[in-house]
């Protein structure tokens, strides 16, 4: 998983947090030349708990916490719930 996993997290966060106010996700998808579903499923990565983000970036996340798993479920807003859901 490694580098591409961390790269996806970093890119998702950067794209969402640096977008001008009012810019819709579909516009970001067009600009990035990816399907809008790609942006929608990765947008929530920008709002993962700091504990989960740190684990992904340093490679210490649980082995079952794959990118596929992260983008295939809706994340709770509460960080403690995210951590419970993803095995932290």
Protein backbone atom coordinates (compact mmCIF):
# COMPACT_ATOMS: atom_id res chain seq x y z
CA UNK A 1 0.00 0.00 0.00
CA UNK A 2 2.67 2.44 1.16
CA UNK A 3 3.46 5.51 -0.87
CA UNK A 4 0.35 5.59 -3.09
CA UNK A 5 -1.84 5.33 0.02
CA UNK A 6 -0.17 8.31 1.66
CA UNK A 7 -0.13 10.19 -1.65
CA UNK A 8 -3.88 9.72 -2.05
CA UNK A 9 -4.50 10.99 1.48
CA UNK A 10 -2.24 14.00 0.98
CA UNK A 11 -3.69 14.87 -2.42
CA UNK A 12 -7.28 14.54 -1.22
CA UNK A 13 -6.64 16.84 1.69
CA UNK A 14 -4.85 19.42 -0.44
CA UNK A 15 -7.50 19.47 -3.17
CA UNK A 16 -10.38 19.90 -0.73
CA UNK A 17 -8.81 22.35 1.65
CA UNK A 18 -7.41 24.65 -1.04
CA UNK A 19 -10.48 24.84 -3.25
CA UNK A 20 -12.14 28.23 -3.48
CA UNK A 21 -15.46 28.62 -1.67
CA UNK A 22 -18.38 27.51 -3.79
CA UNK A 23 -16.41 25.19 -6.07
CA UNK A 24 -18.31 21.93 -6.40
CA UNK A 25 -16.67 18.51 -6.33
CA UNK A 26 -17.71 17.86 -9.93
CA UNK A 27 -15.69 20.91 -11.00
CA UNK A 28 -12.66 19.57 -9.14
CA UNK A 29 -13.12 16.21 -10.89
CA UNK A 30 -13.11 17.89 -14.29
CA UNK A 31 -10.03 19.93 -13.42
CA UNK A 32 -8.22 16.82 -12.17
CA UNK A 33 -9.44 14.75 -15.17
CA UNK A 34 -11.00 12.04 -13.01
CA UNK A 35 -14.57 10.78 -12.66
CA UNK A 36 -16.63 12.73 -10.12
CA UNK A 37 -17.19 9.47 -8.19
CA UNK A 38 -13.41 9.30 -7.67
CA UNK A 39 -13.43 12.71 -5.98
CA UNK A 40 -16.55 11.94 -3.93
CA UNK A 41 -15.12 8.70 -2.55
CA UNK A 42 -11.81 10.31 -1.68
CA UNK A 43 -13.13 13.60 -0.32
CA UNK A 44 -13.82 12.07 3.07
CA UNK A 45 -10.15 11.12 3.43
CA UNK A 46 -9.42 14.79 4.11
CA UNK A 47 -11.53 14.56 7.26
CA UNK A 48 -10.06 11.42 8.84
CA UNK A 49 -9.01 11.66 12.45
CA UNK A 50 -5.47 12.92 12.97
CA UNK A 51 -4.57 9.59 14.58
CA UNK A 52 -5.62 7.67 11.45
CA UNK A 53 -3.92 10.14 9.11
CA UNK A 54 -0.68 9.93 11.07
CA UNK A 55 -0.76 6.12 11.00
CA UNK A 56 -1.30 6.12 7.22
CA UNK A 57 1.51 8.61 6.63
CA UNK A 58 4.01 6.70 8.76
CA UNK A 59 2.83 3.28 7.53
CA UNK A 60 1.66 1.98 10.91
CA UNK A 61 -2.06 1.62 10.12
CA UNK A 62 -3.68 -1.77 10.76
CA UNK A 63 -3.04 -4.14 7.83
CA UNK A 64 -6.76 -4.49 7.15
CA UNK A 65 -7.11 -0.72 6.70
CA UNK A 66 -6.68 -0.58 2.96
CA UNK A 67 -7.38 2.30 0.60
CA UNK A 68 -10.16 0.21 -0.92
CA UNK A 69 -11.80 -0.15 2.51
CA UNK A 70 -11.43 3.54 3.29
CA UNK A 71 -13.10 4.69 0.08
CA UNK A 72 -15.87 2.08 0.13
CA UNK A 73 -17.53 3.08 3.41
CA UNK A 74 -19.06 6.31 4.66
CA UNK A 75 -16.97 7.71 7.49
CA UNK A 76 -18.58 8.88 10.73
CA UNK A 77 -17.91 12.55 11.49
CA UNK A 78 -16.69 11.85 15.03
CA UNK A 79 -13.01 10.98 15.10
CA UNK A 80 -13.46 8.48 17.93
CA UNK A 81 -16.09 6.65 15.86
CA UNK A 82 -13.78 6.60 12.84
CA UNK A 83 -11.02 5.14 14.99
CA UNK A 84 -13.33 2.45 16.32
CA UNK A 85 -14.62 1.64 12.82
CA UNK A 86 -11.12 1.33 11.38
CA UNK A 87 -9.51 -0.61 14.24
CA UNK A 88 -7.63 1.99 16.24
